[in-house]
Amino acid sequence: MLKGGFFKNIFQKVDQLFARPQRRIDEDLYEELEEAMIGADLNVHTTLAIIERMRSAVREKGLKDAEDVKDELREALVESLTAGDEGYFSPMKQSPEPPTVYLVVGDNGVGKTTSIAKMAYRYQKAGNKVVLAAADTFRAAAMDQLQIWGDRLNVDVVRGKEGGDPASVVYDAFQRARAVKADYVICDTAGRLHTRHNLMEELRKINRVLMRERGGRPADETLLVLDATTGQNAVSQAKEFKLAVDISGLILAKLDSTAKGGIVVTIKQELGLPIKLIGTGEQPEDMEAFEPHTFVKNIFA
């Protein structure tokens, strides 16, 4: 369940526009709404499209009540978040045979290692056994940080030497998972875009190793972690990673009461990638599967 303060500031100004007594549907409302939505980190293109949709709905449906316009806004946001997805959200893919393997990428400082720890906690609490692969061998600090989380959560962490081969770490973690009959292997990889070519080759090698060991199947998900608090910078960062990596989904970290919720819509619109998980706080339990209807409902809660 979402925590009480989760959406405290997200779209607060938008909601306040509709809360005014006897709020008229006029040009002032549209202009204020446009300003508030862009201020909440929706991109301009999506904002203008939603405003135009609302204008059309007012004309065609004869809407006179601000609450009706607010309902149109809810529907528009849900459609923006679900376009192209089967059903209304994209659940995490599972392997037909355990262990399921997830590769996690992301720039330094975005909350990648903490997100991996939250994933481990989430699956562990559901009764699963998890093995973590400290395959971001570029930085010893990254391996040490994952080890600290592993010790805290009582989860196996397989690591190699600083500067070592990430693929060999993933191989060792996969073998460890088989030996202990683990359900998940979550791999911390590629903590930087040192060069696109090197990054692509690193992940290709990891997947070749996995395919050899898994009967031709690569990782079940390759997930990019983004910091929700960085707004448009997160979108730019994701575009860079997308050029180098075949990303299957996103983890949006730090989406707590200090974040601007519109970035969720912007990311979905500009990248066309499903948001799989959201981090909603600093504790291990503060991670949830992303569900657009629940997200939009809570924007206006």
Protein backbone atom coordinates (compact mmCIF):
# COMPACT_ATOMS: atom_id res chain seq x y z
CA MET A 1 0.00 0.00 0.00
CA LEU A 2 1.13 3.54 -0.69
CA LYS A 3 2.27 5.48 2.34
CA GLY A 4 0.12 8.37 3.50
CA GLY A 5 2.51 11.16 2.51
CA PHE A 6 3.61 9.62 -0.76
CA PHE A 7 1.81 11.98 -3.12
CA LYS A 8 1.80 14.99 -0.78
CA ASN A 9 3.34 17.37 -3.34
CA ILE A 10 2.78 15.52 -6.59
CA PHE A 11 0.28 17.48 -8.71
CA GLN A 12 -0.84 19.36 -5.59
CA LYS A 13 -1.14 22.62 -7.48
CA VAL A 14 -3.17 20.95 -10.23
CA ASP A 15 -5.60 19.56 -7.68
CA GLN A 16 -5.88 22.95 -5.95
CA LEU A 17 -7.04 24.55 -9.19
CA PHE A 18 -10.12 22.35 -9.15
CA ALA A 19 -10.72 22.79 -5.43
CA ARG A 20 -11.61 26.47 -5.61
CA PRO A 21 -15.30 27.18 -4.89
CA GLN A 22 -17.41 27.53 -8.05
CA ARG A 23 -14.36 27.11 -10.28
CA ARG A 24 -15.28 28.25 -13.80
CA ILE A 25 -14.16 26.38 -16.90
CA ASP A 26 -12.55 29.22 -18.78
CA GLU A 27 -9.32 30.24 -20.47
CA ASP A 28 -7.79 31.16 -17.11
CA LEU A 29 -8.31 27.57 -15.91
CA TYR A 30 -6.60 26.14 -18.99
CA GLU A 31 -3.63 28.50 -18.66
CA GLU A 32 -3.20 27.83 -14.94
CA LEU A 33 -3.57 24.10 -15.52
CA GLU A 34 -0.93 24.16 -18.26
CA GLU A 35 1.49 26.02 -15.97
CA ALA A 36 0.86 23.63 -13.08
CA MET A 37 1.32 20.50 -15.20
CA ILE A 38 4.59 21.70 -16.70
CA GLY A 39 5.70 22.67 -13.19
CA ALA A 40 5.04 19.07 -12.14
CA ASP A 41 7.52 17.90 -14.84
CA LEU A 42 5.10 16.87 -17.57
CA ASN A 43 6.68 17.62 -20.92
CA VAL A 44 5.22 20.43 -23.02
CA HIS A 45 3.99 18.15 -25.82
CA THR A 46 1.98 15.90 -23.46
CA THR A 47 0.67 18.89 -21.50
CA LEU A 48 -0.62 20.66 -24.62
CA ALA A 49 -2.20 17.43 -25.92
CA ILE A 50 -4.04 16.92 -22.62
CA ILE A 51 -5.22 20.54 -22.52
CA GLU A 52 -6.56 20.24 -26.08
CA ARG A 53 -8.32 16.99 -25.18
CA MET A 54 -10.00 18.77 -22.26
CA ARG A 55 -11.07 21.69 -24.46
CA SER A 56 -12.64 19.23 -26.92
CA ALA A 57 -14.40 17.34 -24.12
CA VAL A 58 -15.86 20.56 -22.72
CA ARG A 59 -17.18 21.50 -26.17
CA GLU A 60 -18.44 18.09 -27.26
CA LYS A 61 -19.83 16.88 -23.95
CA GLY A 62 -21.05 20.24 -22.72
CA LEU A 63 -19.08 19.95 -19.47
CA LYS A 64 -19.82 22.74 -17.03
CA ASP A 65 -18.47 21.39 -13.75
CA ALA A 66 -14.78 21.50 -12.84
CA GLU A 67 -15.05 17.98 -11.36
CA ASP A 68 -16.03 16.67 -14.80
CA VAL A 69 -12.97 18.31 -16.32
CA LYS A 70 -10.89 16.79 -13.57
CA ASP A 71 -12.24 13.36 -14.53
CA GLU A 72 -11.16 14.02 -18.12
CA LEU A 73 -7.68 14.84 -16.84
CA ARG A 74 -7.56 11.56 -14.91
CA GLU A 75 -8.53 9.58 -18.00
CA ALA A 76 -5.98 11.42 -20.15
CA LEU A 77 -3.17 10.67 -17.68
CA VAL A 78 -4.09 6.98 -17.47
CA GLU A 79 -4.14 6.73 -21.27
CA SER A 80 -0.75 8.46 -21.46
CA LEU A 81 0.69 5.93 -19.05
CA THR A 82 -0.85 2.81 -20.59
CA ALA A 83 -0.45 3.49 -24.31
CA GLY A 84 1.23 0.52 -25.98
CA ASP A 85 1.09 -1.77 -22.94
CA GLU A 86 -0.85 -4.98 -22.80
CA GLY A 87 -3.51 -4.54 -20.15
CA TYR A 88 -2.78 -1.52 -18.00
CA PHE A 89 0.68 -2.20 -16.63
CA SER A 90 3.76 -4.27 -17.38
CA PRO A 91 4.52 -6.81 -14.65
CA MET A 92 8.03 -8.14 -14.20
CA LYS A 93 8.82 -11.05 -16.49
CA GLN A 94 9.44 -14.43 -14.89
CA SER A 95 11.57 -17.30 -16.11
CA PRO A 96 9.72 -20.53 -16.95
CA GLU A 97 12.41 -22.27 -14.93
CA PRO A 98 14.10 -20.77 -11.86
CA PRO A 99 16.12 -18.79 -11.30
CA THR A 100 14.68 -15.66 -12.91
CA VAL A 101 17.53 -13.29 -13.82
CA TYR A 102 17.37 -9.49 -13.79
CA LEU A 103 20.16 -7.18 -14.96
CA VAL A 104 20.06 -3.69 -13.45
CA VAL A 105 21.86 -0.73 -15.01
CA GLY A 106 22.02 2.95 -14.14
CA ASP A 107 24.38 5.84 -13.59
CA ASN A 108 26.14 6.37 -10.29
CA GLY A 109 24.06 8.14 -7.66
CA VAL A 110 20.60 7.35 -9.05
CA GLY A 111 19.77 4.80 -6.35
CA LYS A 112 20.68 1.68 -8.33
CA THR A 113 22.19 -0.38 -5.52
CA THR A 114 19.45 0.60 -3.07
CA SER A 115 16.81 -0.34 -5.66
CA ILE A 116 18.41 -3.76 -6.07
CA ALA A 117 18.34 -4.23 -2.30
CA LYS A 118 14.66 -3.26 -2.24
CA MET A 119 13.95 -5.79 -4.99
CA ALA A 120 15.72 -8.48 -2.99
CA TYR A 121 13.72 -7.59 0.10
CA ARG A 122 10.47 -7.57 -1.90
CA TYR A 123 11.02 -11.06 -3.32
CA GLN A 124 12.40 -12.40 -0.06
CA LYS A 125 9.30 -11.24 1.83
CA ALA A 126 7.19 -13.11 -0.72
CA GLY A 127 8.96 -16.33 0.29
CA ASN A 128 11.60 -16.46 -2.44
CA LYS A 129 15.33 -17.09 -2.20
CA VAL A 130 17.48 -14.40 -3.83
CA VAL A 131 21.14 -14.22 -4.91
CA LEU A 132 22.75 -10.85 -5.72
CA ALA A 133 25.58 -10.47 -8.25
CA ALA A 134 27.94 -7.55 -7.58
CA ALA A 135 28.88 -7.28 -11.27
CA ASP A 136 29.49 -3.53 -11.34
CA THR A 137 33.21 -4.27 -10.99
CA PHE A 138 34.27 -0.83 -12.19
CA ARG A 139 33.92 0.55 -8.65
CA ALA A 140 34.92 -1.32 -5.50
CA ALA A 141 32.54 0.97 -3.58
CA ALA A 142 29.60 -0.38 -5.59
CA MET A 143 30.48 -3.95 -4.65
CA ASP A 144 31.00 -2.99 -1.02
CA GLN A 145 27.66 -1.19 -0.88
CA LEU A 146 25.81 -4.22 -2.28
CA GLN A 147 27.62 -6.45 0.21
CA ILE A 148 26.46 -4.24 3.09
CA TRP A 149 22.87 -4.58 1.89
CA GLY A 150 23.28 -8.33 1.44
CA ASP A 151 24.53 -8.69 5.02
CA ARG A 152 21.68 -6.53 6.29
CA LEU A 153 19.03 -8.55 4.46
CA ASN A 154 20.75 -11.93 4.92
CA VAL A 155 20.96 -12.41 1.14
CA ASP A 156 23.82 -14.15 -0.70
CA VAL A 157 26.10 -11.73 -2.56
CA VAL A 158 28.52 -13.04 -5.19
CA ARG A 159 31.31 -10.61 -6.07
CA GLY A 160 34.58 -10.54 -7.97
CA LYS A 161 37.69 -8.41 -8.04
CA GLU A 162 37.71 -4.69 -8.77
CA GLY A 163 38.13 -4.28 -12.53
CA GLY A 164 37.28 -7.93 -13.09
CA ASP A 165 35.04 -9.45 -15.73
CA PRO A 166 31.36 -8.71 -14.95
CA ALA A 167 30.22 -11.73 -16.97
CA SER A 168 32.23 -14.08 -14.76
CA VAL A 169 30.57 -12.60 -11.67
CA VAL A 170 27.12 -13.16 -13.19
CA TYR A 171 28.14 -16.72 -14.12
CA ASP A 172 29.28 -17.43 -10.55
CA ALA A 173 26.08 -15.91 -9.14
CA PHE A 174 23.95 -18.03 -11.47
CA GLN A 175 25.80 -21.18 -10.42
CA ARG A 176 25.37 -20.19 -6.77
CA ALA A 177 21.64 -19.69 -7.36
CA ARG A 178 21.37 -23.15 -8.89
CA ALA A 179 23.26 -24.70 -5.99
CA VAL A 180 21.03 -23.15 -3.32
CA LYS A 181 17.85 -23.45 -5.46
CA ALA A 182 17.30 -19.67 -5.52
CA ASP A 183 14.32 -18.17 -7.29
CA TYR A 184 15.96 -14.92 -8.40
CA VAL A 185 19.38 -13.62 -9.43
CA ILE A 186 19.56 -9.81 -9.42
CA CYS A 187 22.71 -8.41 -11.02
CA ASP A 188 24.19 -4.99 -10.34
CA THR A 189 25.86 -4.07 -13.64
CA ALA A 190 27.18 -1.15 -15.67
CA GLY A 191 27.17 1.76 -13.26
CA ARG A 192 28.36 4.21 -15.90
CA LEU A 193 28.16 5.06 -19.57
CA HIS A 194 31.94 4.94 -19.98
CA THR A 195 31.43 4.41 -23.71
CA ARG A 196 28.40 3.05 -25.46
CA HIS A 197 30.46 0.42 -27.26
CA ASN A 198 32.04 -0.94 -24.06
CA LEU A 199 28.70 -0.98 -22.28
CA MET A 200 27.00 -2.86 -25.10
CA GLU A 201 29.81 -5.40 -25.28
CA GLU A 202 29.77 -5.91 -21.51
CA LEU A 203 26.06 -6.68 -21.44
CA ARG A 204 26.22 -8.77 -24.60
CA LYS A 205 28.88 -10.93 -23.00
CA ILE A 206 26.77 -11.33 -19.85
CA ASN A 207 23.80 -12.39 -21.94
CA ARG A 208 25.92 -14.83 -23.96
CA VAL A 209 26.97 -16.48 -20.72
CA LEU A 210 23.37 -16.59 -19.49
CA MET A 211 22.11 -18.00 -22.80
CA ARG A 212 24.70 -20.76 -22.64
CA GLU A 213 23.62 -21.67 -19.13
CA ARG A 214 19.87 -21.16 -19.63
CA GLY A 215 19.14 -23.05 -22.81
CA GLY A 216 19.33 -20.03 -25.11
CA ARG A 217 17.51 -17.54 -22.86
CA PRO A 218 19.13 -14.18 -21.97
CA ALA A 219 18.26 -12.19 -18.84
CA ASP A 220 14.52 -11.99 -18.21
CA GLU A 221 14.66 -8.22 -17.71
CA THR A 222 17.26 -5.50 -18.23
CA LEU A 223 16.12 -2.65 -16.02
CA LEU A 224 17.31 0.94 -15.99
CA VAL A 225 17.16 2.85 -12.70
CA LEU A 226 16.33 6.56 -12.92
CA ASP A 227 16.26 9.19 -10.19
CA ALA A 228 12.76 10.75 -10.25
CA THR A 229 13.96 13.91 -8.49
CA THR A 230 16.18 14.92 -11.42
CA GLY A 231 13.24 15.57 -13.76
CA GLN A 232 14.17 16.10 -17.41
CA ASN A 233 17.77 15.08 -16.66
CA ALA A 234 16.46 11.59 -15.96
CA VAL A 235 14.83 11.53 -19.39
CA SER A 236 18.07 12.63 -21.08
CA GLN A 237 20.02 10.01 -19.17
CA ALA A 238 17.55 7.31 -20.15
CA LYS A 239 17.85 8.25 -23.83
CA GLU A 240 21.62 7.81 -23.61
CA PHE A 241 21.31 4.39 -22.00
CA LYS A 242 18.64 3.37 -24.49
CA LEU A 243 21.11 3.96 -27.33
CA ALA A 244 23.55 1.53 -25.73
CA VAL A 245 21.36 -1.02 -23.99
CA ASP A 246 18.30 -3.07 -24.92
CA ILE A 247 16.27 -1.92 -21.92
CA SER A 248 13.06 -3.82 -21.12
CA GLY A 249 11.76 -1.57 -18.35
CA LEU A 250 12.44 1.16 -15.83
CA ILE A 251 12.77 1.43 -12.07
CA LEU A 252 11.91 4.94 -10.90
CA ALA A 253 13.79 5.61 -7.67
CA LYS A 254 13.19 8.37 -5.11
CA LEU A 255 9.57 8.94 -6.15
CA ASP A 256 8.59 10.17 -2.70
CA SER A 257 6.80 13.32 -1.56
CA THR A 258 9.66 15.53 -2.77
CA ALA A 259 9.43 14.32 -6.37
CA LYS A 260 7.38 15.80 -9.19
CA GLY A 261 4.97 13.13 -10.32
CA GLY A 262 4.61 14.40 -13.86
CA ILE A 263 8.00 12.94 -14.71
CA VAL A 264 6.31 9.52 -14.68
CA VAL A 265 4.10 10.54 -17.61
CA THR A 266 6.96 12.29 -19.40
CA ILE A 267 9.21 9.24 -19.16
CA LYS A 268 6.50 6.96 -20.51
CA GLN A 269 5.67 9.34 -23.37
CA GLU A 270 9.21 10.19 -24.45
CA LEU A 271 10.85 6.79 -23.98
CA GLY A 272 8.05 4.35 -24.68
CA LEU A 273 9.38 2.06 -21.96
CA PRO A 274 7.23 0.49 -19.24
CA ILE A 275 7.80 1.58 -15.66
CA LYS A 276 8.08 -1.68 -13.72
CA LEU A 277 8.83 -0.60 -10.16
CA ILE A 278 8.81 2.63 -8.14
CA GLY A 279 10.81 3.48 -5.05
CA THR A 280 8.74 5.43 -2.55
CA GLY A 281 11.11 5.98 0.37
CA GLU A 282 14.41 5.01 1.96
CA GLN A 283 13.51 1.75 3.73
CA PRO A 284 13.85 -1.72 2.15
CA GLU A 285 10.07 -2.13 2.04
CA ASP A 286 9.59 1.15 0.14
CA MET A 287 9.20 -0.29 -3.35
CA GLU A 288 6.05 -1.13 -5.30
CA ALA A 289 5.00 -2.45 -8.66
CA PHE A 290 3.89 0.47 -10.82
CA GLU A 291 0.17 0.47 -11.60
CA PRO A 292 -1.05 3.48 -13.61
CA HIS A 293 -4.64 3.56 -12.33
CA THR A 294 -3.48 3.54 -8.71
CA PHE A 295 -0.85 6.17 -9.47
CA VAL A 296 -3.33 8.56 -11.09
CA LYS A 297 -5.95 7.93 -8.40
CA ASN A 298 -3.46 8.89 -5.71
CA ILE A 299 -2.35 12.02 -7.56
CA PHE A 300 -5.77 13.46 -6.71
CA ALA A 301 -6.31 11.66 -3.40
